[in-house]
Every structure is written in C-alpha cells, then in structure tokens.
Amino acid sequence: MQRSSRAIPGAADFGIIDLIREVNITGVPRHISPNRHSDSRTDILRDMAVYRPNEGVIAVVYDDVSDSVKVCTKLEKANESLADWFLIFPESLSDAKTTESGPWKL
C-alpha cells in the first residue's frame, strides 16, 4: 500500500489527509472545491472527492480543472466587453445579424 502523501503530491498542503481520515471513519463522501497545487513540476487546480466504497478502501478522485477555469475567466471578460459595446452602440448592435457561416453583419 502506498502512502497518501506519495500517491497525491502536495496532499498535506491542502488538507486531503485529514479528509481521508474523516471519510475512513464516517464513511460519508466528501468534496473539496478546486484548490491550487504548485510545485517544481506543475501548477494546477484540483477538484477532489473522497469516497469509501467498501470497508478498508478509500477512493480519492480528482480532476484538473485548470483549463476550464481559464476558459471561464476569458469568457466572463469577453461577456463584459460585449456588454460595454451594447452600452456604447445599442442601436447598431441590436440590428446585427448572424449568417449561416457565423460572422456578424451590421
């Protein structure tokens, strides 16, 4: 059996060890909202869940959500920029149409 600190790099830094102990005792699944993990090799955001499917078995599932968070941040900025354009040019943009190929025509 592998130590959790070796299986999950940086485990002690974001409290997963305590969560694994808690789930092992209670059997109640737990979720950790995305946390940043940085070391000499990587810089990622991890969304984690801890389960106890059977007695003596702990499952830690994590998803690297770094790219999703970056894309959502860019989308929010683009939406803010678009909203600004609608405030500046409300009449001309409300008449804008899209074509089948995608670009807007004014």
PDB file of N, CA and C in Angstrom:
ATOM      1  N   MET A   1       0.843  -1.176   0.000  1.00  0.00           N
ATOM      2  CA  MET A   1       0.000   0.000   0.000  1.00  0.00           C
ATOM      3  C   MET A   1       0.893   1.246   0.000  1.00  0.00           C
ATOM      4  N   GLN A   2       0.475   2.244  -0.760  1.00  0.00           N
ATOM      5  CA  GLN A   2       1.266   3.457  -0.911  1.00  0.00           C
ATOM      6  C   GLN A   2       0.785   4.534   0.067  1.00  0.00           C
ATOM      7  N   ARG A   3       1.716   5.286   0.614  1.00  0.00           N
ATOM      8  CA  ARG A   3       1.341   6.391   1.492  1.00  0.00           C
ATOM      9  C   ARG A   3       0.613   7.442   0.673  1.00  0.00           C
ATOM     10  N   SER A   4      -0.435   8.039   1.244  1.00  0.00           N
ATOM     11  CA  SER A   4      -1.216   9.037   0.507  1.00  0.00           C
ATOM     12  C   SER A   4      -0.382  10.256   0.141  1.00  0.00           C
ATOM     13  N   SER A   5       0.616  10.581   0.952  1.00  0.00           N
ATOM     14  CA  SER A   5       1.456  11.739   0.643  1.00  0.00           C
ATOM     15  C   SER A   5       2.325  11.488  -0.591  1.00  0.00           C
ATOM     16  N   ARG A   6       2.622  10.227  -0.895  1.00  0.00           N
ATOM     17  CA  ARG A   6       3.374   9.905  -2.123  1.00  0.00           C
ATOM     18  C   ARG A   6       2.436   9.762  -3.307  1.00  0.00           C
ATOM     19  N   ALA A   7       1.251   9.206  -3.084  1.00  0.00           N
ATOM     20  CA  ALA A   7       0.297   8.992  -4.175  1.00  0.00           C
ATOM     21  C   ALA A   7      -0.310  10.303  -4.657  1.00  0.00           C
ATOM     22  N   ILE A   8      -0.474  11.259  -3.749  1.00  0.00           N
ATOM     23  CA  ILE A   8      -1.068  12.556  -4.079  1.00  0.00           C
ATOM     24  C   ILE A   8      -0.065  13.636  -3.709  1.00  0.00           C
ATOM     25  N   PRO A   9       0.737  14.104  -4.672  1.00  0.00           N
ATOM     26  CA  PRO A   9       1.720  15.139  -4.357  1.00  0.00           C
ATOM     27  C   PRO A   9       1.060  16.384  -3.770  1.00  0.00           C
ATOM     28  N   GLY A  10       1.625  16.903  -2.702  1.00  0.00           N
ATOM     29  CA  GLY A  10       1.090  18.098  -2.060  1.00  0.00           C
ATOM     30  C   GLY A  10      -0.114  17.837  -1.179  1.00  0.00           C
ATOM     31  N   ALA A  11      -0.396  16.566  -0.880  1.00  0.00           N
ATOM     32  CA  ALA A  11      -1.591  16.204  -0.113  1.00  0.00           C
ATOM     33  C   ALA A  11      -1.670  16.920   1.228  1.00  0.00           C
ATOM     34  N   ALA A  12      -0.555  17.040   1.903  1.00  0.00           N
ATOM     35  CA  ALA A  12      -0.557  17.685   3.220  1.00  0.00           C
ATOM     36  C   ALA A  12      -0.882  19.172   3.116  1.00  0.00           C
ATOM     37  N   ASP A  13      -0.550  19.785   1.980  1.00  0.00           N
ATOM     38  CA  ASP A  13      -0.740  21.228   1.824  1.00  0.00           C
ATOM     39  C   ASP A  13      -2.202  21.652   1.749  1.00  0.00           C
ATOM     40  N   PHE A  14      -3.072  20.796   1.208  1.00  0.00           N
ATOM     41  CA  PHE A  14      -4.459  21.236   1.073  1.00  0.00           C
ATOM     42  C   PHE A  14      -5.448  20.398   1.865  1.00  0.00           C
ATOM     43  N   GLY A  15      -4.979  19.685   2.881  1.00  0.00           N
ATOM     44  CA  GLY A  15      -5.860  19.056   3.855  1.00  0.00           C
ATOM     45  C   GLY A  15      -6.502  17.750   3.443  1.00  0.00           C
ATOM     46  N   ILE A  16      -6.032  17.127   2.386  1.00  0.00           N
ATOM     47  CA  ILE A  16      -6.661  15.893   1.931  1.00  0.00           C
ATOM     48  C   ILE A  16      -6.427  14.743   2.904  1.00  0.00           C
ATOM     49  N   ILE A  17      -5.312  14.755   3.615  1.00  0.00           N
ATOM     50  CA  ILE A  17      -5.011  13.678   4.568  1.00  0.00           C
ATOM     51  C   ILE A  17      -6.075  13.635   5.664  1.00  0.00           C
ATOM     52  N   ASP A  18      -6.409  14.797   6.220  1.00  0.00           N
ATOM     53  CA  ASP A  18      -7.448  14.857   7.255  1.00  0.00           C
ATOM     54  C   ASP A  18      -8.796  14.412   6.702  1.00  0.00           C
ATOM     55  N   LEU A  19      -9.082  14.787   5.462  1.00  0.00           N
ATOM     56  CA  LEU A  19     -10.347  14.407   4.840  1.00  0.00           C
ATOM     57  C   LEU A  19     -10.410  12.896   4.606  1.00  0.00           C
ATOM     58  N   ILE A  20      -9.313  12.301   4.198  1.00  0.00           N
ATOM     59  CA  ILE A  20      -9.263  10.845   4.014  1.00  0.00           C
ATOM     60  C   ILE A  20      -9.532  10.142   5.343  1.00  0.00           C
ATOM     61  N   ARG A  21      -8.926  10.631   6.410  1.00  0.00           N
ATOM     62  CA  ARG A  21      -9.159  10.041   7.741  1.00  0.00           C
ATOM     63  C   ARG A  21     -10.635  10.155   8.135  1.00  0.00           C
ATOM     64  N   GLU A  22     -11.210  11.344   7.892  1.00  0.00           N
ATOM     65  CA  GLU A  22     -12.618  11.561   8.250  1.00  0.00           C
ATOM     66  C   GLU A  22     -13.536  10.619   7.476  1.00  0.00           C
ATOM     67  N   VAL A  23     -13.329  10.501   6.163  1.00  0.00           N
ATOM     68  CA  VAL A  23     -14.164   9.619   5.343  1.00  0.00           C
ATOM     69  C   VAL A  23     -13.961   8.163   5.752  1.00  0.00           C
ATOM     70  N   ASN A  24     -12.754   7.788   6.105  1.00  0.00           N
ATOM     71  CA  ASN A  24     -12.485   6.427   6.556  1.00  0.00           C
ATOM     72  C   ASN A  24     -13.251   6.106   7.835  1.00  0.00           C
ATOM     73  N   ILE A  25     -13.351   7.077   8.722  1.00  0.00           N
ATOM     74  CA  ILE A  25     -14.057   6.868   9.995  1.00  0.00           C
ATOM     75  C   ILE A  25     -15.570   6.896   9.805  1.00  0.00           C
ATOM     76  N   THR A  26     -16.081   7.914   9.087  1.00  0.00           N
ATOM     77  CA  THR A  26     -17.531   8.115   8.975  1.00  0.00           C
ATOM     78  C   THR A  26     -18.168   7.366   7.815  1.00  0.00           C
ATOM     79  N   GLY A  27     -17.417   7.137   6.736  1.00  0.00           N
ATOM     80  CA  GLY A  27     -17.987   6.519   5.542  1.00  0.00           C
ATOM     81  C   GLY A  27     -18.767   7.493   4.679  1.00  0.00           C
ATOM     82  N   VAL A  28     -18.828   8.754   5.099  1.00  0.00           N
ATOM     83  CA  VAL A  28     -19.577   9.779   4.364  1.00  0.00           C
ATOM     84  C   VAL A  28     -18.661  10.423   3.321  1.00  0.00           C
ATOM     85  N   PRO A  29     -19.055  10.392   2.026  1.00  0.00           N
ATOM     86  CA  PRO A  29     -18.225  11.009   0.983  1.00  0.00           C
ATOM     87  C   PRO A  29     -18.073  12.508   1.212  1.00  0.00           C
ATOM     88  N   ARG A  30     -16.939  13.041   0.813  1.00  0.00           N
ATOM     89  CA  ARG A  30     -16.673  14.480   0.958  1.00  0.00           C
ATOM     90  C   ARG A  30     -16.111  15.030  -0.338  1.00  0.00           C
ATOM     91  N   HIS A  31     -16.301  16.319  -0.538  1.00  0.00           N
ATOM     92  CA  HIS A  31     -15.829  17.020  -1.731  1.00  0.00           C
ATOM     93  C   HIS A  31     -14.994  18.216  -1.303  1.00  0.00           C
ATOM     94  N   ILE A  32     -13.914  18.479  -2.031  1.00  0.00           N
ATOM     95  CA  ILE A  32     -13.100  19.675  -1.807  1.00  0.00           C
ATOM     96  C   ILE A  32     -13.216  20.530  -3.052  1.00  0.00           C
ATOM     97  N   SER A  33     -13.632  21.772  -2.878  1.00  0.00           N
ATOM     98  CA  SER A  33     -13.702  22.699  -4.005  1.00  0.00           C
ATOM     99  C   SER A  33     -12.312  22.878  -4.601  1.00  0.00           C
ATOM    100  N   PRO A  34     -12.250  23.324  -5.860  1.00  0.00           N
ATOM    101  CA  PRO A  34     -10.936  23.444  -6.511  1.00  0.00           C
ATOM    102  C   PRO A  34      -9.913  24.216  -5.684  1.00  0.00           C
ATOM    103  N   ASN A  35      -8.741  23.614  -5.536  1.00  0.00           N
ATOM    104  CA  ASN A  35      -7.604  24.202  -4.832  1.00  0.00           C
ATOM    105  C   ASN A  35      -6.401  24.202  -5.755  1.00  0.00           C
ATOM    106  N   ARG A  36      -5.586  25.239  -5.654  1.00  0.00           N
ATOM    107  CA  ARG A  36      -4.372  25.332  -6.467  1.00  0.00           C
ATOM    108  C   ARG A  36      -3.266  24.505  -5.822  1.00  0.00           C
ATOM    109  N   HIS A  37      -2.594  23.732  -6.650  1.00  0.00           N
ATOM    110  CA  HIS A  37      -1.432  22.956  -6.212  1.00  0.00           C
ATOM    111  C   HIS A  37      -0.256  23.349  -7.085  1.00  0.00           C
ATOM    112  N   SER A  38       0.804  23.816  -6.471  1.00  0.00           N
ATOM    113  CA  SER A  38       2.007  24.212  -7.208  1.00  0.00           C
ATOM    114  C   SER A  38       3.222  23.525  -6.605  1.00  0.00           C
ATOM    115  N   ASP A  39       4.064  23.025  -7.465  1.00  0.00           N
ATOM    116  CA  ASP A  39       5.369  22.541  -7.036  1.00  0.00           C
ATOM    117  C   ASP A  39       6.342  22.772  -8.187  1.00  0.00           C
ATOM    118  N   SER A  40       7.509  22.183  -8.106  1.00  0.00           N
ATOM    119  CA  SER A  40       8.528  22.427  -9.136  1.00  0.00           C
ATOM    120  C   SER A  40       8.125  21.865 -10.498  1.00  0.00           C
ATOM    121  N   ARG A  41       7.178  20.918 -10.512  1.00  0.00           N
ATOM    122  CA  ARG A  41       6.776  20.289 -11.772  1.00  0.00           C
ATOM    123  C   ARG A  41       5.503  20.854 -12.365  1.00  0.00           C
ATOM    124  N   THR A  42       4.591  21.331 -11.543  1.00  0.00           N
ATOM    125  CA  THR A  42       3.257  21.642 -12.049  1.00  0.00           C
ATOM    126  C   THR A  42       2.582  22.768 -11.273  1.00  0.00           C
ATOM    127  N   ASP A  43       1.571  23.345 -11.880  1.00  0.00           N
ATOM    128  CA  ASP A  43       0.712  24.343 -11.240  1.00  0.00           C
ATOM    129  C   ASP A  43      -0.702  24.083 -11.745  1.00  0.00           C
ATOM    130  N   ILE A  44      -1.523  23.405 -10.930  1.00  0.00           N
ATOM    131  CA  ILE A  44      -2.859  23.019 -11.379  1.00  0.00           C
ATOM    132  C   ILE A  44      -3.909  23.348 -10.326  1.00  0.00           C
ATOM    133  N   LEU A  45      -5.165  23.394 -10.780  1.00  0.00           N
ATOM    134  CA  LEU A  45      -6.319  23.495  -9.891  1.00  0.00           C
ATOM    135  C   LEU A  45      -6.962  22.115  -9.838  1.00  0.00           C
ATOM    136  N   ARG A  46      -7.117  21.566  -8.639  1.00  0.00           N
ATOM    137  CA  ARG A  46      -7.704  20.241  -8.475  1.00  0.00           C
ATOM    138  C   ARG A  46      -9.065  20.337  -7.805  1.00  0.00           C
ATOM    139  N   ASP A  47     -10.038  19.675  -8.408  1.00  0.00           N
ATOM    140  CA  ASP A  47     -11.348  19.478  -7.805  1.00  0.00           C
ATOM    141  C   ASP A  47     -11.334  18.037  -7.306  1.00  0.00           C
ATOM    142  N   MET A  48     -11.545  17.832  -5.995  1.00  0.00           N
ATOM    143  CA  MET A  48     -11.349  16.499  -5.424  1.00  0.00           C
ATOM    144  C   MET A  48     -12.579  15.987  -4.679  1.00  0.00           C
ATOM    145  N   ALA A  49     -12.726  14.660  -4.708  1.00  0.00           N
ATOM    146  CA  ALA A  49     -13.769  13.985  -3.938  1.00  0.00           C
ATOM    147  C   ALA A  49     -13.151  12.747  -3.287  1.00  0.00           C
ATOM    148  N   VAL A  50     -13.599  12.447  -2.076  1.00  0.00           N
ATOM    149  CA  VAL A  50     -13.095  11.287  -1.336  1.00  0.00           C
ATOM    150  C   VAL A  50     -14.289  10.401  -0.984  1.00  0.00           C
ATOM    151  N   TYR A  51     -14.173   9.103  -1.307  1.00  0.00           N
ATOM    152  CA  TYR A  51     -15.233   8.130  -1.058  1.00  0.00           C
ATOM    153  C   TYR A  51     -14.666   6.925  -0.325  1.00  0.00           C
ATOM    154  N   ARG A  52     -15.565   6.192   0.347  1.00  0.00           N
ATOM    155  CA  ARG A  52     -15.202   4.894   0.919  1.00  0.00           C
ATOM    156  C   ARG A  52     -16.184   3.875   0.356  1.00  0.00           C
ATOM    157  N   PRO A  53     -15.869   3.297  -0.825  1.00  0.00           N
ATOM    158  CA  PRO A  53     -16.809   2.363  -1.448  1.00  0.00           C
ATOM    159  C   PRO A  53     -17.004   1.080  -0.642  1.00  0.00           C
ATOM    160  N   ASN A  54     -15.957   0.607   0.028  1.00  0.00           N
ATOM    161  CA  ASN A  54     -16.019  -0.593   0.864  1.00  0.00           C
ATOM    162  C   ASN A  54     -15.193  -0.352   2.117  1.00  0.00           C
ATOM    163  N   GLU A  55     -15.451  -1.154   3.123  1.00  0.00           N
ATOM    164  CA  GLU A  55     -14.655  -1.078   4.351  1.00  0.00           C
ATOM    165  C   GLU A  55     -13.188  -1.310   4.015  1.00  0.00           C
ATOM    166  N   GLY A  56     -12.329  -0.411   4.460  1.00  0.00           N
ATOM    167  CA  GLY A  56     -10.898  -0.553   4.221  1.00  0.00           C
ATOM    168  C   GLY A  56     -10.420  -0.032   2.876  1.00  0.00           C
ATOM    169  N   VAL A  57     -11.335   0.499   2.068  1.00  0.00           N
ATOM    170  CA  VAL A  57     -10.969   1.031   0.750  1.00  0.00           C
ATOM    171  C   VAL A  57     -11.356   2.504   0.693  1.00  0.00           C
ATOM    172  N   ILE A  58     -10.405   3.349   0.348  1.00  0.00           N
ATOM    173  CA  ILE A  58     -10.664   4.783   0.183  1.00  0.00           C
ATOM    174  C   ILE A  58     -10.350   5.146  -1.263  1.00  0.00           C
ATOM    175  N   ALA A  59     -11.255   5.856  -1.899  1.00  0.00           N
ATOM    176  CA  ALA A  59     -11.038   6.323  -3.272  1.00  0.00           C
ATOM    177  C   ALA A  59     -10.965   7.844  -3.263  1.00  0.00           C
ATOM    178  N   VAL A  60      -9.889   8.369  -3.814  1.00  0.00           N
ATOM    179  CA  VAL A  60      -9.727   9.812  -3.966  1.00  0.00           C
ATOM    180  C   VAL A  60      -9.750  10.090  -5.462  1.00  0.00           C
ATOM    181  N   VAL A  61     -10.739  10.861  -5.893  1.00  0.00           N
ATOM    182  CA  VAL A  61     -10.899  11.180  -7.308  1.00  0.00           C
ATOM    183  C   VAL A  61     -10.647  12.659  -7.476  1.00  0.00           C
ATOM    184  N   TYR A  62      -9.762  12.993  -8.412  1.00  0.00           N
ATOM    185  CA  TYR A  62      -9.555  14.411  -8.653  1.00  0.00           C
ATOM    186  C   TYR A  62      -9.529  14.708 -10.131  1.00  0.00           C
ATOM    187  N   ASP A  63      -9.907  15.942 -10.436  1.00  0.00           N
ATOM    188  CA  ASP A  63      -9.977  16.414 -11.808  1.00  0.00           C
ATOM    189  C   ASP A  63      -9.175  17.701 -11.902  1.00  0.00           C
ATOM    190  N   ASP A  64      -8.308  17.789 -12.887  1.00  0.00           N
ATOM    191  CA  ASP A  64      -7.557  19.015 -13.137  1.00  0.00           C
ATOM    192  C   ASP A  64      -8.495  19.966 -13.877  1.00  0.00           C
ATOM    193  N   VAL A  65      -8.965  20.997 -13.186  1.00  0.00           N
ATOM    194  CA  VAL A  65      -9.912  21.951 -13.774  1.00  0.00           C
ATOM    195  C   VAL A  65      -9.233  23.256 -14.182  1.00  0.00           C
ATOM    196  N   SER A  66      -7.913  23.253 -14.292  1.00  0.00           N
ATOM    197  CA  SER A  66      -7.155  24.464 -14.630  1.00  0.00           C
ATOM    198  C   SER A  66      -7.626  25.078 -15.938  1.00  0.00           C
ATOM    199  N   ASP A  67      -7.715  24.262 -17.001  1.00  0.00           N
ATOM    200  CA  ASP A  67      -8.115  24.784 -18.308  1.00  0.00           C
ATOM    201  C   ASP A  67      -9.542  25.314 -18.282  1.00  0.00           C
ATOM    202  N   SER A  68     -10.443  24.607 -17.604  1.00  0.00           N
ATOM    203  CA  SER A  68     -11.837  25.052 -17.524  1.00  0.00           C
ATOM    204  C   SER A  68     -11.950  26.407 -16.841  1.00  0.00           C
ATOM    205  N   VAL A  69     -11.203  26.591 -15.769  1.00  0.00           N
ATOM    206  CA  VAL A  69     -11.239  27.861 -15.039  1.00  0.00           C
ATOM    207  C   VAL A  69     -10.689  28.987 -15.908  1.00  0.00           C
ATOM    208  N   LYS A  70      -9.598  28.719 -16.643  1.00  0.00           N
ATOM    209  CA  LYS A  70      -9.031  29.740 -17.531  1.00  0.00           C
ATOM    210  C   LYS A  70     -10.028  30.137 -18.614  1.00  0.00           C
ATOM    211  N   VAL A  71     -10.689  29.148 -19.221  1.00  0.00           N
ATOM    212  CA  VAL A  71     -11.657  29.426 -20.278  1.00  0.00           C
ATOM    213  C   VAL A  71     -12.843  30.213 -19.720  1.00  0.00           C
ATOM    214  N   CYS A  72     -13.339  29.837 -18.550  1.00  0.00           N
ATOM    215  CA  CYS A  72     -14.460  30.567 -17.934  1.00  0.00           C
ATOM    216  C   CYS A  72     -14.081  32.013 -17.633  1.00  0.00           C
ATOM    217  N   THR A  73     -12.866  32.235 -17.175  1.00  0.00           N
ATOM    218  CA  THR A  73     -12.398  33.593 -16.891  1.00  0.00           C
ATOM    219  C   THR A  73     -12.354  34.419 -18.168  1.00  0.00           C
ATOM    220  N   LYS A  74     -11.832  33.844 -19.248  1.00  0.00           N
ATOM    221  CA  LYS A  74     -11.790  34.551 -20.532  1.00  0.00           C
ATOM    222  C   LYS A  74     -13.199  34.842 -21.042  1.00  0.00           C
ATOM    223  N   LEU A  75     -14.111  33.886 -20.881  1.00  0.00           N
ATOM    224  CA  LEU A  75     -15.488  34.075 -21.325  1.00  0.00           C
ATOM    225  C   LEU A  75     -16.171  35.193 -20.547  1.00  0.00           C
ATOM    226  N   GLU A  76     -15.953  35.248 -19.242  1.00  0.00           N
ATOM    227  CA  GLU A  76     -16.523  36.326 -18.432  1.00  0.00           C
ATOM    228  C   GLU A  76     -16.016  37.687 -18.894  1.00  0.00           C
ATOM    229  N   LYS A  77     -14.716  37.786 -19.188  1.00  0.00           N
ATOM    230  CA  LYS A  77     -14.148  39.051 -19.669  1.00  0.00           C
ATOM    231  C   LYS A  77     -14.730  39.425 -21.025  1.00  0.00           C
ATOM    232  N   ALA A  78     -14.902  38.436 -21.908  1.00  0.00           N
ATOM    233  CA  ALA A  78     -15.484  38.704 -23.226  1.00  0.00           C
ATOM    234  C   ALA A  78     -16.931  39.171 -23.093  1.00  0.00           C
ATOM    235  N   ASN A  79     -17.686  38.564 -22.183  1.00  0.00           N
ATOM    236  CA  ASN A  79     -19.073  38.985 -21.963  1.00  0.00           C
ATOM    237  C   ASN A  79     -19.146  40.408 -21.424  1.00  0.00           C
ATOM    238  N   GLU A  80     -18.228  40.760 -20.529  1.00  0.00           N
ATOM    239  CA  GLU A  80     -18.188  42.129 -20.010  1.00  0.00           C
ATOM    240  C   GLU A  80     -17.880  43.114 -21.130  1.00  0.00           C
ATOM    241  N   SER A  81     -16.941  42.753 -21.985  1.00  0.00           N
ATOM    242  CA  SER A  81     -16.577  43.610 -23.112  1.00  0.00           C
ATOM    243  C   SER A  81     -17.755  43.772 -24.068  1.00  0.00           C
ATOM    244  N   LEU A  82     -18.459  42.690 -24.345  1.00  0.00           N
ATOM    245  CA  LEU A  82     -19.627  42.749 -25.223  1.00  0.00           C
ATOM    246  C   LEU A  82     -20.724  43.616 -24.612  1.00  0.00           C
ATOM    247  N   ALA A  83     -20.926  43.493 -23.313  1.00  0.00           N
ATOM    248  CA  ALA A  83     -21.927  44.326 -22.634  1.00  0.00           C
ATOM    249  C   ALA A  83     -21.561  45.802 -22.745  1.00  0.00           C
ATOM    250  N   ASP A  84     -20.266  46.114 -22.637  1.00  0.00           N
ATOM    251  CA  ASP A  84     -19.819  47.503 -22.809  1.00  0.00           C
ATOM    252  C   ASP A  84     -20.143  48.008 -24.204  1.00  0.00           C
ATOM    253  N   TRP A  85     -19.931  47.172 -25.218  1.00  0.00           N
ATOM    254  CA  TRP A  85     -20.238  47.577 -26.592  1.00  0.00           C
ATOM    255  C   TRP A  85     -21.733  47.843 -26.757  1.00  0.00           C
ATOM    256  N   PHE A  86     -22.575  47.034 -26.142  1.00  0.00           N
ATOM    257  CA  PHE A  86     -24.019  47.265 -26.231  1.00  0.00           C
ATOM    258  C   PHE A  86     -24.417  48.573 -25.554  1.00  0.00           C
ATOM    259  N   LEU A  87     -23.701  48.959 -24.501  1.00  0.00           N
ATOM    260  CA  LEU A  87     -23.982  50.242 -23.850  1.00  0.00           C
ATOM    261  C   LEU A  87     -23.559  51.417 -24.726  1.00  0.00           C
ATOM    262  N   ILE A  88     -22.439  51.256 -25.429  1.00  0.00           N
ATOM    263  CA  ILE A  88     -21.915  52.341 -26.256  1.00  0.00           C
ATOM    264  C   ILE A  88     -22.694  52.473 -27.560  1.00  0.00           C
ATOM    265  N   PHE A  89     -23.014  51.352 -28.199  1.00  0.00           N
ATOM    266  CA  PHE A  89     -23.668  51.362 -29.510  1.00  0.00           C
ATOM    267  C   PHE A  89     -24.945  50.516 -29.495  1.00  0.00           C
ATOM    268  N   PRO A  90     -25.938  50.873 -28.709  1.00  0.00           N
ATOM    269  CA  PRO A  90     -27.110  49.997 -28.565  1.00  0.00           C
ATOM    270  C   PRO A  90     -27.906  49.802 -29.855  1.00  0.00           C
ATOM    271  N   GLU A  91     -28.110  50.861 -30.641  1.00  0.00           N
ATOM    272  CA  GLU A  91     -28.946  50.734 -31.832  1.00  0.00           C
ATOM    273  C   GLU A  91     -28.276  49.895 -32.912  1.00  0.00           C
ATOM    274  N   SER A  92     -27.015  50.167 -33.188  1.00  0.00           N
ATOM    275  CA  SER A  92     -26.350  49.455 -34.279  1.00  0.00           C
ATOM    276  C   SER A  92     -26.155  47.970 -33.963  1.00  0.00           C
ATOM    277  N   LEU A  93     -25.881  47.637 -32.722  1.00  0.00           N
ATOM    278  CA  LEU A  93     -25.667  46.233 -32.377  1.00  0.00           C
ATOM    279  C   LEU A  93     -26.970  45.456 -32.267  1.00  0.00           C
ATOM    280  N   SER A  94     -28.056  46.124 -31.936  1.00  0.00           N
ATOM    281  CA  SER A  94     -29.328  45.405 -31.848  1.00  0.00           C
ATOM    282  C   SER A  94     -29.818  44.998 -33.231  1.00  0.00           C
ATOM    283  N   ASP A  95     -29.324  45.678 -34.291  1.00  0.00           N
ATOM    284  CA  ASP A  95     -29.692  45.330 -35.660  1.00  0.00           C
ATOM    285  C   ASP A  95     -28.751  44.289 -36.262  1.00  0.00           C
ATOM    286  N   ALA A  96     -27.720  43.897 -35.542  1.00  0.00           N
ATOM    287  CA  ALA A  96     -26.732  42.953 -36.074  1.00  0.00           C
ATOM    288  C   ALA A  96     -27.363  41.585 -36.281  1.00  0.00           C
ATOM    289  N   LYS A  97     -26.965  40.933 -37.339  1.00  0.00           N
ATOM    290  CA  LYS A  97     -27.487  39.607 -37.673  1.00  0.00           C
ATOM    291  C   LYS A  97     -26.312  38.656 -37.877  1.00  0.00           C
ATOM    292  N   THR A  98     -26.555  37.392 -37.634  1.00  0.00           N
ATOM    293  CA  THR A  98     -25.534  36.397 -37.949  1.00  0.00           C
ATOM    294  C   THR A  98     -25.936  35.699 -39.238  1.00  0.00           C
ATOM    295  N   THR A  99     -24.946  35.221 -39.960  1.00  0.00           N
ATOM    296  CA  THR A  99     -25.210  34.464 -41.180  1.00  0.00           C
ATOM    297  C   THR A  99     -24.967  32.995 -40.888  1.00  0.00           C
ATOM    298  N   GLU A 100     -25.281  32.139 -41.841  1.00  0.00           N
ATOM    299  CA  GLU A 100     -25.069  30.705 -41.629  1.00  0.00           C
ATOM    300  C   GLU A 100     -23.602  30.384 -41.385  1.00  0.00           C
ATOM    301  N   SER A 101     -22.701  31.153 -42.000  1.00  0.00           N
ATOM    302  CA  SER A 101     -21.275  30.885 -41.818  1.00  0.00           C
ATOM    303  C   SER A 101     -20.757  31.419 -40.491  1.00  0.00           C
ATOM    304  N   GLY A 102     -21.542  32.232 -39.786  1.00  0.00           N
ATOM    305  CA  GLY A 102     -21.169  32.645 -38.452  1.00  0.00           C
ATOM    306  C   GLY A 102     -20.877  34.103 -38.223  1.00  0.00           C
ATOM    307  N   PRO A 103     -20.165  34.835 -39.119  1.00  0.00           N
ATOM    308  CA  PRO A 103     -19.807  36.215 -38.775  1.00  0.00           C
ATOM    309  C   PRO A 103     -21.018  37.140 -38.695  1.00  0.00           C
ATOM    310  N   TRP A 104     -20.869  38.160 -37.901  1.00  0.00           N
ATOM    311  CA  TRP A 104     -21.931  39.147 -37.757  1.00  0.00           C
ATOM    312  C   TRP A 104     -21.903  40.104 -38.929  1.00  0.00           C
ATOM    313  N   LYS A 105     -23.087  40.505 -39.366  1.00  0.00           N
ATOM    314  CA  LYS A 105     -23.231  41.519 -40.418  1.00  0.00           C
ATOM    315  C   LYS A 105     -23.990  42.685 -39.823  1.00  0.00           C
ATOM    316  N   LEU A 106     -23.452  43.886 -39.992  1.00  0.00           N
ATOM    317  CA  LEU A 106     -24.138  45.081 -39.494  1.00  0.00           C
ATOM    318  C   LEU A 106     -24.873  45.766 -40.615  1.00  0.00           C
TER     319      LEU A 106
END
